[in-house]
N, C-alpha and C. Protein backbone atom coordinates (compact mmCIF):
# COMPACT_ATOMS: atom_id res chain seq x y z
N MET A 1 97.87 92.10 108.67
CA MET A 1 97.43 93.48 108.48
C MET A 1 97.24 94.15 109.82
N ALA A 2 97.23 95.48 109.82
CA ALA A 2 97.15 96.25 111.05
C ALA A 2 95.78 96.92 111.19
N ILE A 3 95.59 97.57 112.32
CA ILE A 3 94.38 98.36 112.56
C ILE A 3 94.81 99.81 112.77
N ALA A 4 94.13 100.74 112.11
CA ALA A 4 94.42 102.16 112.26
C ALA A 4 93.36 102.84 113.11
N PHE A 5 93.80 103.56 114.12
CA PHE A 5 92.93 104.45 114.88
C PHE A 5 93.37 105.88 114.60
N ILE A 6 92.49 106.66 113.99
CA ILE A 6 92.76 108.08 113.77
C ILE A 6 92.03 108.83 114.88
N THR A 7 92.78 109.50 115.74
CA THR A 7 92.21 110.11 116.94
C THR A 7 91.87 111.57 116.68
N ALA A 8 90.59 111.90 116.74
CA ALA A 8 90.15 113.23 116.30
C ALA A 8 89.06 113.80 117.20
N ARG A 9 89.46 114.53 118.22
CA ARG A 9 88.45 115.20 119.03
C ARG A 9 88.09 116.54 118.40
N LEU A 10 86.95 117.07 118.77
CA LEU A 10 86.48 118.33 118.16
C LEU A 10 87.19 119.54 118.74
N GLY A 11 87.38 119.53 120.05
CA GLY A 11 88.00 120.67 120.71
C GLY A 11 89.51 120.70 120.50
N SER A 12 90.06 121.89 120.44
CA SER A 12 91.51 122.08 120.41
C SER A 12 91.81 123.47 120.97
N LYS A 13 92.89 123.58 121.70
CA LYS A 13 93.16 124.79 122.47
C LYS A 13 93.47 126.00 121.60
N ARG A 14 94.49 125.89 120.78
CA ARG A 14 95.02 127.07 120.09
C ARG A 14 94.51 127.25 118.66
N LEU A 15 94.20 126.14 118.00
CA LEU A 15 93.70 126.21 116.62
C LEU A 15 92.35 125.51 116.59
N LYS A 16 91.28 126.28 116.60
CA LYS A 16 89.94 125.74 116.79
C LYS A 16 89.54 124.76 115.68
N LYS A 17 88.97 123.64 116.14
CA LYS A 17 88.48 122.59 115.24
C LYS A 17 89.52 122.21 114.18
N LYS A 18 90.79 122.14 114.62
CA LYS A 18 91.87 121.91 113.65
C LYS A 18 91.76 120.56 112.96
N ASN A 19 91.14 119.58 113.61
CA ASN A 19 91.09 118.24 113.03
C ASN A 19 90.17 118.12 111.82
N ILE A 20 89.29 119.11 111.65
CA ILE A 20 88.42 119.12 110.47
C ILE A 20 88.52 120.46 109.72
N LYS A 21 89.53 121.24 110.04
CA LYS A 21 89.76 122.51 109.36
C LYS A 21 90.02 122.24 107.87
N PHE A 22 89.47 123.05 107.00
CA PHE A 22 89.63 122.81 105.57
C PHE A 22 91.07 123.07 105.14
N PHE A 23 91.58 122.12 104.36
CA PHE A 23 92.96 122.15 103.90
C PHE A 23 92.94 121.85 102.41
N PHE A 24 93.11 122.88 101.60
CA PHE A 24 93.04 122.75 100.15
C PHE A 24 91.77 122.04 99.69
N GLY A 25 90.65 122.51 100.23
CA GLY A 25 89.34 122.07 99.76
C GLY A 25 88.74 120.87 100.44
N LYS A 26 89.48 120.24 101.37
CA LYS A 26 88.98 119.06 102.08
C LYS A 26 89.21 119.24 103.58
N PRO A 27 88.34 118.66 104.43
CA PRO A 27 88.67 118.62 105.86
C PRO A 27 90.00 117.88 106.01
N VAL A 28 90.88 118.39 106.84
CA VAL A 28 92.25 117.85 106.89
C VAL A 28 92.28 116.37 107.26
N ILE A 29 91.28 115.89 107.99
CA ILE A 29 91.24 114.47 108.36
C ILE A 29 91.06 113.56 107.14
N TYR A 30 90.59 114.12 106.04
CA TYR A 30 90.43 113.35 104.81
C TYR A 30 91.77 112.73 104.36
N TYR A 31 92.86 113.48 104.54
CA TYR A 31 94.15 113.06 103.99
C TYR A 31 94.71 111.80 104.65
N PRO A 32 94.76 111.70 105.98
CA PRO A 32 95.23 110.43 106.55
C PRO A 32 94.29 109.26 106.28
N ILE A 33 92.98 109.52 106.22
CA ILE A 33 92.05 108.44 105.87
C ILE A 33 92.37 107.92 104.47
N LYS A 34 92.56 108.84 103.55
CA LYS A 34 92.88 108.46 102.16
C LYS A 34 94.20 107.69 102.10
N ALA A 35 95.21 108.16 102.83
CA ALA A 35 96.52 107.49 102.82
C ALA A 35 96.40 106.07 103.39
N CYS A 36 95.62 105.92 104.44
CA CYS A 36 95.41 104.60 105.04
C CYS A 36 94.73 103.65 104.05
N ILE A 37 93.69 104.14 103.39
CA ILE A 37 92.97 103.30 102.42
C ILE A 37 93.90 102.86 101.29
N LYS A 38 94.67 103.80 100.75
CA LYS A 38 95.54 103.50 99.61
C LYS A 38 96.73 102.62 99.98
N SER A 39 97.11 102.64 101.26
CA SER A 39 98.25 101.82 101.68
C SER A 39 97.94 100.32 101.61
N LYS A 40 96.67 99.97 101.79
CA LYS A 40 96.20 98.58 101.74
C LYS A 40 96.86 97.69 102.80
N ILE A 41 97.21 98.29 103.94
CA ILE A 41 97.82 97.50 105.02
C ILE A 41 96.90 97.39 106.24
N PHE A 42 95.70 97.98 106.14
CA PHE A 42 94.80 98.01 107.30
C PHE A 42 93.53 97.20 107.05
N LYS A 43 93.20 96.36 108.01
CA LYS A 43 91.93 95.64 107.93
C LYS A 43 90.78 96.47 108.47
N GLN A 44 91.11 97.47 109.31
CA GLN A 44 90.12 98.43 109.79
C GLN A 44 90.76 99.81 109.88
N ILE A 45 90.02 100.83 109.45
CA ILE A 45 90.45 102.22 109.60
C ILE A 45 89.36 102.92 110.41
N ILE A 46 89.67 103.19 111.67
CA ILE A 46 88.68 103.66 112.63
C ILE A 46 89.02 105.07 113.08
N VAL A 47 88.04 105.94 113.05
CA VAL A 47 88.20 107.28 113.62
C VAL A 47 87.59 107.29 115.00
N SER A 48 88.37 107.71 115.98
CA SER A 48 87.90 107.82 117.36
C SER A 48 87.60 109.28 117.66
N THR A 49 86.35 109.58 117.96
CA THR A 49 85.93 110.94 118.24
C THR A 49 84.74 110.95 119.17
N GLU A 50 84.56 112.06 119.86
CA GLU A 50 83.37 112.26 120.68
C GLU A 50 82.31 113.05 119.92
N SER A 51 82.64 113.47 118.70
CA SER A 51 81.83 114.42 117.94
C SER A 51 81.04 113.74 116.81
N SER A 52 79.75 113.97 116.76
CA SER A 52 78.94 113.43 115.66
C SER A 52 79.30 114.12 114.34
N LEU A 53 79.72 115.38 114.42
CA LEU A 53 80.14 116.10 113.22
C LEU A 53 81.36 115.42 112.60
N ILE A 54 82.38 115.16 113.40
CA ILE A 54 83.58 114.49 112.89
C ILE A 54 83.24 113.07 112.44
N SER A 55 82.37 112.41 113.18
CA SER A 55 81.94 111.06 112.80
C SER A 55 81.35 111.04 111.40
N ASN A 56 80.47 111.97 111.11
CA ASN A 56 79.83 112.03 109.79
C ASN A 56 80.84 112.31 108.69
N ILE A 57 81.79 113.19 108.96
CA ILE A 57 82.84 113.49 107.97
C ILE A 57 83.69 112.26 107.71
N ALA A 58 84.08 111.58 108.80
CA ALA A 58 84.92 110.39 108.67
C ALA A 58 84.23 109.30 107.85
N LYS A 59 82.95 109.09 108.13
CA LYS A 59 82.20 108.07 107.41
C LYS A 59 82.06 108.44 105.93
N LYS A 60 81.93 109.71 105.66
CA LYS A 60 81.83 110.17 104.27
C LYS A 60 83.05 109.75 103.46
N TYR A 61 84.21 109.76 104.12
CA TYR A 61 85.45 109.40 103.43
C TYR A 61 85.85 107.95 103.66
N LYS A 62 84.88 107.12 104.08
CA LYS A 62 85.01 105.66 104.14
C LYS A 62 85.79 105.12 105.34
N ALA A 63 85.92 105.92 106.40
CA ALA A 63 86.46 105.39 107.65
C ALA A 63 85.31 104.84 108.48
N GLN A 64 85.62 104.02 109.47
CA GLN A 64 84.62 103.47 110.38
C GLN A 64 84.58 104.29 111.67
N VAL A 65 83.40 104.46 112.21
CA VAL A 65 83.23 105.07 113.53
C VAL A 65 82.24 104.18 114.29
N PRO A 66 82.72 103.11 114.90
CA PRO A 66 81.81 102.15 115.53
C PRO A 66 81.10 102.68 116.77
N PHE A 67 81.66 103.72 117.38
CA PHE A 67 81.05 104.33 118.56
C PHE A 67 81.71 105.69 118.79
N LEU A 68 81.00 106.54 119.53
CA LEU A 68 81.59 107.81 119.95
C LEU A 68 82.28 107.59 121.30
N ARG A 69 83.46 108.14 121.45
CA ARG A 69 84.17 107.96 122.71
C ARG A 69 83.58 108.86 123.79
N PRO A 70 83.73 108.50 125.05
CA PRO A 70 83.22 109.34 126.15
C PRO A 70 83.87 110.73 126.13
N LYS A 71 83.09 111.73 126.45
CA LYS A 71 83.61 113.11 126.44
C LYS A 71 84.76 113.30 127.42
N LYS A 72 84.78 112.49 128.49
CA LYS A 72 85.87 112.61 129.46
C LYS A 72 87.21 112.18 128.86
N LEU A 73 87.15 111.46 127.73
CA LEU A 73 88.37 111.07 127.03
C LEU A 73 88.61 111.93 125.79
N ALA A 74 88.03 113.12 125.80
CA ALA A 74 88.20 114.04 124.67
C ALA A 74 88.61 115.43 125.15
N SER A 75 89.24 115.50 126.31
CA SER A 75 89.69 116.78 126.83
C SER A 75 91.16 116.98 126.50
N ASP A 76 91.67 118.19 126.71
CA ASP A 76 93.09 118.43 126.44
C ASP A 76 93.99 117.79 127.47
N ARG A 77 93.39 117.21 128.50
CA ARG A 77 94.18 116.50 129.51
C ARG A 77 94.28 114.99 129.22
N THR A 78 93.50 114.53 128.27
CA THR A 78 93.54 113.11 127.91
C THR A 78 94.80 112.79 127.12
N THR A 79 95.56 111.83 127.58
CA THR A 79 96.78 111.46 126.86
C THR A 79 96.46 110.45 125.77
N THR A 80 97.34 110.37 124.80
CA THR A 80 97.18 109.39 123.73
C THR A 80 97.15 107.98 124.30
N LEU A 81 98.00 107.71 125.27
CA LEU A 81 98.06 106.37 125.86
C LEU A 81 96.77 106.02 126.60
N GLN A 82 96.21 106.98 127.32
CA GLN A 82 94.92 106.73 128.00
C GLN A 82 93.84 106.38 126.99
N LEU A 83 93.78 107.12 125.90
CA LEU A 83 92.77 106.86 124.88
C LEU A 83 92.98 105.50 124.23
N MET A 84 94.21 105.18 123.90
CA MET A 84 94.49 103.91 123.24
C MET A 84 94.15 102.72 124.13
N LYS A 85 94.43 102.83 125.41
CA LYS A 85 94.07 101.75 126.34
C LYS A 85 92.56 101.54 126.32
N PHE A 86 91.80 102.64 126.34
CA PHE A 86 90.34 102.55 126.30
C PHE A 86 89.86 101.89 125.02
N LEU A 87 90.38 102.32 123.87
CA LEU A 87 89.92 101.81 122.57
C LEU A 87 90.22 100.32 122.41
N ILE A 88 91.41 99.91 122.81
CA ILE A 88 91.80 98.51 122.67
C ILE A 88 90.92 97.62 123.55
N LYS A 89 90.66 98.07 124.78
CA LYS A 89 89.80 97.29 125.68
C LYS A 89 88.35 97.30 125.20
N LYS A 90 87.88 98.45 124.74
CA LYS A 90 86.51 98.59 124.26
C LYS A 90 86.25 97.64 123.08
N MET A 91 87.22 97.52 122.20
CA MET A 91 87.05 96.69 121.01
C MET A 91 87.52 95.25 121.21
N LYS A 92 88.02 94.97 122.43
CA LYS A 92 88.44 93.61 122.79
C LYS A 92 89.44 93.06 121.77
N LEU A 93 90.45 93.86 121.48
CA LEU A 93 91.45 93.46 120.49
C LEU A 93 92.46 92.49 121.10
N LYS A 94 92.96 91.61 120.27
CA LYS A 94 93.97 90.65 120.71
C LYS A 94 95.27 91.39 121.03
N SER A 95 96.00 90.87 122.01
CA SER A 95 97.24 91.52 122.44
C SER A 95 98.28 91.58 121.34
N SER A 96 98.19 90.68 120.37
CA SER A 96 99.17 90.62 119.28
C SER A 96 98.84 91.53 118.10
N GLU A 97 97.69 92.20 118.14
CA GLU A 97 97.31 93.09 117.03
C GLU A 97 98.31 94.23 116.90
N ILE A 98 98.66 94.56 115.67
CA ILE A 98 99.50 95.73 115.41
C ILE A 98 98.58 96.93 115.21
N ILE A 99 98.83 97.97 116.01
CA ILE A 99 97.97 99.15 116.02
C ILE A 99 98.74 100.37 115.55
N PHE A 100 98.12 101.13 114.65
CA PHE A 100 98.62 102.46 114.31
C PHE A 100 97.71 103.48 115.01
N CYS A 101 98.29 104.35 115.79
CA CYS A 101 97.58 105.50 116.33
C CYS A 101 98.00 106.70 115.50
N ILE A 102 97.07 107.24 114.70
CA ILE A 102 97.40 108.27 113.72
C ILE A 102 96.69 109.57 114.08
N TYR A 103 97.43 110.67 114.04
CA TYR A 103 96.82 111.97 114.30
C TYR A 103 96.19 112.50 113.01
N PRO A 104 95.10 113.27 113.12
CA PRO A 104 94.34 113.68 111.94
C PRO A 104 94.96 114.80 111.10
N VAL A 105 95.77 115.65 111.72
CA VAL A 105 96.36 116.76 110.96
C VAL A 105 97.69 116.29 110.37
N THR A 106 97.58 115.34 109.45
CA THR A 106 98.77 114.72 108.86
C THR A 106 98.62 114.55 107.34
N PRO A 107 98.39 115.64 106.62
CA PRO A 107 98.21 115.53 105.17
C PRO A 107 99.48 115.14 104.42
N LEU A 108 100.63 115.17 105.11
CA LEU A 108 101.89 114.79 104.46
C LEU A 108 102.12 113.28 104.47
N LEU A 109 101.29 112.54 105.20
CA LEU A 109 101.43 111.08 105.23
C LEU A 109 101.16 110.50 103.84
N THR A 110 101.94 109.52 103.47
CA THR A 110 101.74 108.85 102.18
C THR A 110 101.51 107.36 102.41
N PRO A 111 100.82 106.71 101.50
CA PRO A 111 100.64 105.26 101.61
C PRO A 111 101.96 104.52 101.67
N ASN A 112 102.94 104.97 100.89
CA ASN A 112 104.24 104.31 100.85
C ASN A 112 104.95 104.40 102.19
N PHE A 113 104.86 105.56 102.85
CA PHE A 113 105.53 105.71 104.14
C PHE A 113 104.86 104.84 105.21
N LEU A 114 103.54 104.74 105.16
CA LEU A 114 102.84 103.86 106.10
C LEU A 114 103.27 102.41 105.91
N ARG A 115 103.39 101.98 104.67
CA ARG A 115 103.85 100.62 104.39
C ARG A 115 105.28 100.41 104.88
N LYS A 116 106.14 101.38 104.61
CA LYS A 116 107.54 101.31 105.04
C LYS A 116 107.63 101.22 106.57
N ALA A 117 106.85 102.02 107.26
CA ALA A 117 106.87 102.03 108.72
C ALA A 117 106.42 100.69 109.28
N LEU A 118 105.38 100.11 108.70
CA LEU A 118 104.91 98.81 109.17
C LEU A 118 105.98 97.74 108.97
N ASN A 119 106.63 97.75 107.82
CA ASN A 119 107.68 96.77 107.56
C ASN A 119 108.83 96.91 108.55
N GLN A 120 109.20 98.15 108.85
CA GLN A 120 110.28 98.37 109.82
C GLN A 120 109.87 97.89 111.20
N PHE A 121 108.64 98.17 111.59
CA PHE A 121 108.17 97.76 112.91
C PHE A 121 108.24 96.24 113.06
N LYS A 122 107.84 95.53 112.04
CA LYS A 122 107.85 94.07 112.10
C LYS A 122 109.26 93.51 112.24
N LYS A 123 110.24 94.23 111.70
CA LYS A 123 111.62 93.75 111.73
C LYS A 123 112.36 94.13 113.02
N LYS A 124 111.96 95.22 113.66
CA LYS A 124 112.78 95.82 114.71
C LYS A 124 112.63 95.22 116.10
N LYS A 125 111.57 94.49 116.36
CA LYS A 125 111.34 93.90 117.68
C LYS A 125 111.35 94.97 118.78
N CYS A 126 110.44 95.90 118.67
CA CYS A 126 110.33 96.97 119.66
C CYS A 126 108.87 97.09 120.09
N ASP A 127 108.64 97.84 121.18
CA ASP A 127 107.27 98.06 121.64
C ASP A 127 106.55 99.08 120.77
N PHE A 128 107.27 100.15 120.43
CA PHE A 128 106.67 101.23 119.63
C PHE A 128 107.69 101.72 118.60
N LEU A 129 107.15 102.22 117.49
CA LEU A 129 107.97 102.86 116.47
C LEU A 129 107.19 104.04 115.92
N PHE A 130 107.88 105.18 115.71
CA PHE A 130 107.19 106.37 115.22
C PHE A 130 108.17 107.34 114.56
N PRO A 131 107.68 108.23 113.68
CA PRO A 131 108.55 109.19 113.00
C PRO A 131 109.05 110.26 113.96
N ILE A 132 110.31 110.64 113.78
CA ILE A 132 110.92 111.67 114.62
C ILE A 132 111.63 112.70 113.75
N LEU A 133 111.86 113.87 114.34
CA LEU A 133 112.54 114.97 113.67
C LEU A 133 113.71 115.45 114.52
N LYS A 134 114.74 115.96 113.87
CA LYS A 134 115.82 116.62 114.59
C LYS A 134 115.26 117.89 115.23
N ALA A 135 115.53 118.10 116.51
CA ALA A 135 114.97 119.24 117.24
C ALA A 135 115.69 120.53 116.89
N ASP A 136 114.91 121.60 116.68
CA ASP A 136 115.48 122.93 116.46
C ASP A 136 115.87 123.59 117.78
N LYS A 137 115.06 123.28 118.82
CA LYS A 137 115.28 123.89 120.13
C LYS A 137 115.37 122.80 121.19
N ILE A 138 116.07 123.10 122.25
CA ILE A 138 116.18 122.17 123.36
C ILE A 138 115.09 122.47 124.37
N ASN A 139 114.27 121.47 124.68
CA ASN A 139 113.23 121.63 125.70
C ASN A 139 112.93 120.30 126.36
N LYS A 140 111.97 120.30 127.26
CA LYS A 140 111.69 119.10 128.06
C LYS A 140 111.11 117.95 127.24
N ASN A 141 110.63 118.24 126.03
CA ASN A 141 110.04 117.19 125.19
C ASN A 141 111.07 116.48 124.31
N ASN A 142 112.31 116.94 124.35
CA ASN A 142 113.35 116.32 123.54
C ASN A 142 113.71 114.93 124.08
N PHE A 143 114.23 114.11 123.19
CA PHE A 143 114.80 112.82 123.57
C PHE A 143 115.99 112.57 122.66
N SER A 144 116.72 111.52 122.93
CA SER A 144 117.91 111.19 122.14
C SER A 144 117.76 109.81 121.52
N ILE A 145 118.59 109.52 120.53
CA ILE A 145 118.59 108.20 119.90
C ILE A 145 120.01 107.70 119.78
N ASP A 146 120.17 106.38 119.77
CA ASP A 146 121.48 105.80 119.52
C ASP A 146 121.59 105.43 118.04
N LYS A 147 122.67 104.75 117.67
CA LYS A 147 122.91 104.46 116.25
C LYS A 147 121.85 103.54 115.64
N ASN A 148 121.15 102.80 116.50
CA ASN A 148 120.09 101.91 116.02
C ASN A 148 118.70 102.51 116.12
N LYS A 149 118.63 103.82 116.37
CA LYS A 149 117.39 104.60 116.50
C LYS A 149 116.57 104.22 117.74
N ASN A 150 117.25 103.62 118.74
CA ASN A 150 116.59 103.39 120.02
C ASN A 150 116.46 104.72 120.75
N ILE A 151 115.31 104.94 121.37
CA ILE A 151 115.03 106.22 122.01
C ILE A 151 115.30 106.13 123.51
N PHE A 152 115.95 107.18 124.03
CA PHE A 152 116.20 107.26 125.47
C PHE A 152 116.12 108.73 125.90
N LYS A 153 116.19 108.97 127.19
CA LYS A 153 116.06 110.33 127.70
C LYS A 153 117.14 111.23 127.11
N SER A 154 116.77 112.49 126.90
CA SER A 154 117.65 113.43 126.22
C SER A 154 118.99 113.60 126.93
N ASN A 155 120.06 113.62 126.13
CA ASN A 155 121.39 113.90 126.67
C ASN A 155 121.92 115.20 126.07
N LYS A 156 123.17 115.48 126.27
CA LYS A 156 123.74 116.75 125.82
C LYS A 156 124.20 116.72 124.36
N LYS A 157 124.14 115.54 123.74
CA LYS A 157 124.74 115.40 122.42
C LYS A 157 123.74 115.47 121.27
N ASN A 158 122.58 114.87 121.42
CA ASN A 158 121.63 114.90 120.31
C ASN A 158 120.21 115.06 120.82
N HIS A 159 119.43 115.82 120.08
CA HIS A 159 118.08 116.15 120.51
C HIS A 159 117.09 115.93 119.36
N PHE A 160 116.05 115.17 119.65
CA PHE A 160 115.03 114.87 118.66
C PHE A 160 113.65 115.10 119.26
N ILE A 161 112.64 115.21 118.39
CA ILE A 161 111.26 115.38 118.84
C ILE A 161 110.34 114.44 118.07
N ASP A 162 109.22 114.16 118.67
CA ASP A 162 108.14 113.41 118.02
C ASP A 162 107.59 114.26 116.88
N SER A 163 107.40 113.67 115.71
CA SER A 163 106.90 114.43 114.56
C SER A 163 105.41 114.72 114.64
N GLY A 164 104.71 114.03 115.57
CA GLY A 164 103.27 114.26 115.72
C GLY A 164 102.44 113.66 114.60
N GLN A 165 102.89 112.53 114.04
CA GLN A 165 102.16 111.90 112.94
C GLN A 165 101.46 110.61 113.36
N PHE A 166 102.23 109.65 113.85
CA PHE A 166 101.61 108.38 114.26
C PHE A 166 102.56 107.59 115.15
N TYR A 167 101.98 106.61 115.84
CA TYR A 167 102.73 105.62 116.61
C TYR A 167 102.28 104.23 116.15
N ILE A 168 103.21 103.31 116.07
CA ILE A 168 102.88 101.91 115.83
C ILE A 168 103.27 101.11 117.07
N GLY A 169 102.38 100.23 117.49
CA GLY A 169 102.71 99.37 118.63
C GLY A 169 101.78 98.17 118.66
N TYR A 170 102.19 97.15 119.38
CA TYR A 170 101.29 96.03 119.61
C TYR A 170 100.23 96.46 120.62
N ALA A 171 99.06 95.87 120.51
CA ALA A 171 97.99 96.20 121.46
C ALA A 171 98.47 96.01 122.89
N LYS A 172 99.22 94.94 123.14
CA LYS A 172 99.70 94.67 124.50
C LYS A 172 100.65 95.75 125.00
N SER A 173 101.40 96.39 124.09
CA SER A 173 102.31 97.46 124.48
C SER A 173 101.53 98.71 124.90
N PHE A 174 100.49 99.04 124.13
CA PHE A 174 99.66 100.19 124.50
C PHE A 174 98.98 99.96 125.86
N ILE A 175 98.62 98.73 126.14
CA ILE A 175 97.94 98.41 127.39
C ILE A 175 98.90 98.44 128.58
N LYS A 176 100.08 97.87 128.41
CA LYS A 176 100.98 97.64 129.54
C LYS A 176 101.94 98.79 129.84
N LYS A 177 102.34 99.54 128.82
CA LYS A 177 103.38 100.54 129.01
C LYS A 177 102.83 101.85 129.58
N LYS A 178 103.69 102.56 130.32
CA LYS A 178 103.32 103.84 130.92
C LYS A 178 103.74 105.02 130.06
N SER A 179 104.50 104.75 129.02
CA SER A 179 104.95 105.80 128.10
C SER A 179 105.13 105.18 126.73
N ILE A 180 104.81 105.95 125.70
CA ILE A 180 105.07 105.50 124.33
C ILE A 180 106.49 105.86 123.94
N ILE A 181 106.87 107.11 124.14
CA ILE A 181 108.19 107.57 123.70
C ILE A 181 109.31 106.93 124.51
N LEU A 182 109.15 106.89 125.83
CA LEU A 182 110.18 106.33 126.71
C LEU A 182 109.71 105.01 127.30
N SER A 183 109.31 104.11 126.45
CA SER A 183 108.82 102.81 126.90
C SER A 183 109.94 101.89 127.36
N GLY A 184 111.16 102.23 126.96
CA GLY A 184 112.29 101.34 127.18
C GLY A 184 112.58 100.48 125.96
N SER A 185 111.62 100.46 125.03
CA SER A 185 111.79 99.70 123.79
C SER A 185 111.05 100.41 122.66
N SER A 186 111.40 101.68 122.46
CA SER A 186 110.80 102.49 121.39
C SER A 186 111.88 102.89 120.41
N LYS A 187 111.53 102.91 119.14
CA LYS A 187 112.46 103.29 118.09
C LYS A 187 111.88 104.42 117.24
N GLY A 188 112.75 105.22 116.67
CA GLY A 188 112.33 106.31 115.81
C GLY A 188 112.65 106.05 114.35
N ILE A 189 111.82 106.62 113.48
CA ILE A 189 112.12 106.68 112.05
C ILE A 189 112.45 108.14 111.76
N LEU A 190 113.69 108.44 111.50
CA LEU A 190 114.09 109.83 111.30
C LEU A 190 113.61 110.32 109.93
N ILE A 191 112.86 111.41 109.95
CA ILE A 191 112.35 112.00 108.71
C ILE A 191 112.85 113.44 108.59
N SER A 192 112.81 113.98 107.39
CA SER A 192 113.24 115.35 107.16
C SER A 192 112.11 116.32 107.50
N LYS A 193 112.45 117.59 107.66
CA LYS A 193 111.48 118.58 108.11
C LYS A 193 110.40 118.87 107.07
N ASN A 194 110.61 118.47 105.84
CA ASN A 194 109.57 118.66 104.83
C ASN A 194 108.64 117.45 104.72
N LYS A 195 108.79 116.50 105.67
CA LYS A 195 107.93 115.32 105.68
C LYS A 195 106.97 115.29 106.86
N GLY A 196 107.14 116.21 107.81
CA GLY A 196 106.26 116.19 108.97
C GLY A 196 106.39 117.42 109.82
N ILE A 197 105.26 117.86 110.40
CA ILE A 197 105.24 118.98 111.32
C ILE A 197 104.08 118.78 112.30
N ASP A 198 104.36 118.99 113.57
CA ASP A 198 103.34 118.88 114.61
C ASP A 198 102.59 120.20 114.67
N VAL A 199 101.32 120.20 114.29
CA VAL A 199 100.55 121.44 114.12
C VAL A 199 99.76 121.77 115.38
N ASN A 200 100.08 122.91 115.99
CA ASN A 200 99.36 123.37 117.18
C ASN A 200 98.89 124.81 117.08
N THR A 201 99.47 125.58 116.17
CA THR A 201 99.16 127.00 116.06
C THR A 201 98.88 127.36 114.60
N GLN A 202 98.38 128.58 114.40
CA GLN A 202 98.15 129.06 113.04
C GLN A 202 99.46 129.15 112.27
N GLU A 203 100.52 129.50 112.96
CA GLU A 203 101.84 129.56 112.32
C GLU A 203 102.25 128.17 111.81
N ASP A 204 102.02 127.15 112.64
CA ASP A 204 102.31 125.78 112.22
C ASP A 204 101.46 125.40 111.00
N TRP A 205 100.20 125.78 111.04
CA TRP A 205 99.27 125.48 109.94
C TRP A 205 99.76 126.10 108.63
N ASN A 206 100.21 127.35 108.71
CA ASN A 206 100.72 128.04 107.53
C ASN A 206 101.98 127.37 106.99
N LYS A 207 102.83 126.90 107.89
CA LYS A 207 104.06 126.18 107.46
C LYS A 207 103.68 124.88 106.76
N LEU A 208 102.67 124.20 107.32
CA LEU A 208 102.21 122.93 106.73
C LEU A 208 101.72 123.15 105.30
N LYS A 209 100.98 124.21 105.09
CA LYS A 209 100.46 124.51 103.75
C LYS A 209 101.60 124.75 102.77
N LYS A 210 102.64 125.44 103.22
CA LYS A 210 103.77 125.72 102.33
C LYS A 210 104.51 124.42 101.98
N ILE A 211 104.68 123.57 102.97
CA ILE A 211 105.35 122.29 102.72
C ILE A 211 104.53 121.43 101.76
N PHE A 212 103.22 121.43 101.95
CA PHE A 212 102.33 120.57 101.16
C PHE A 212 102.37 120.92 99.67
N VAL A 213 102.48 122.18 99.34
CA VAL A 213 102.43 122.58 97.92
C VAL A 213 103.81 122.58 97.27
N ASN A 214 104.87 122.40 98.05
CA ASN A 214 106.23 122.41 97.48
C ASN A 214 106.76 120.99 97.23
């Protein structure tokens, strides 16, 4: 079984308190917690936050919050990899543990997809695996994939983006690697645009709501 870390800081630049913003009657973080519980693939479902407010909400929906993270690791400059290194070391996890790093604004996640992703990760022999989308626009965040879904720096032929849902990796990979996307051994799970959206603005939020009800 794996360990899930749902990373949820209180502050957000463009969409205030987006990680606990109400989404069809529930704080949006409720949905990934629920999906994790129903998937039955996690021995621990942990919410990492610096906020007592988010901690209380997470506990209400049966996630664990064993400690509040330092505020210095809850700024918009904190990278996912920096946070994951801290959490793995703080909890003294074994290097062989399979870790899911899950973002909280992911109400489209399903238990079945989480199970499918874990099965693929176990088979693929890679450092990291995560959902990706075909890019609409070309920018510096694009990357490319080969026929086996191996990820490499963007070329002129194909452009993909991180879906902003989750990453799977071994604890040792999160500790040792300098990049998740371009680790040298990262693979993508290609999903359709109605299965994931990286939410940063009110416009993104409105698109997410439309996808969720359709």
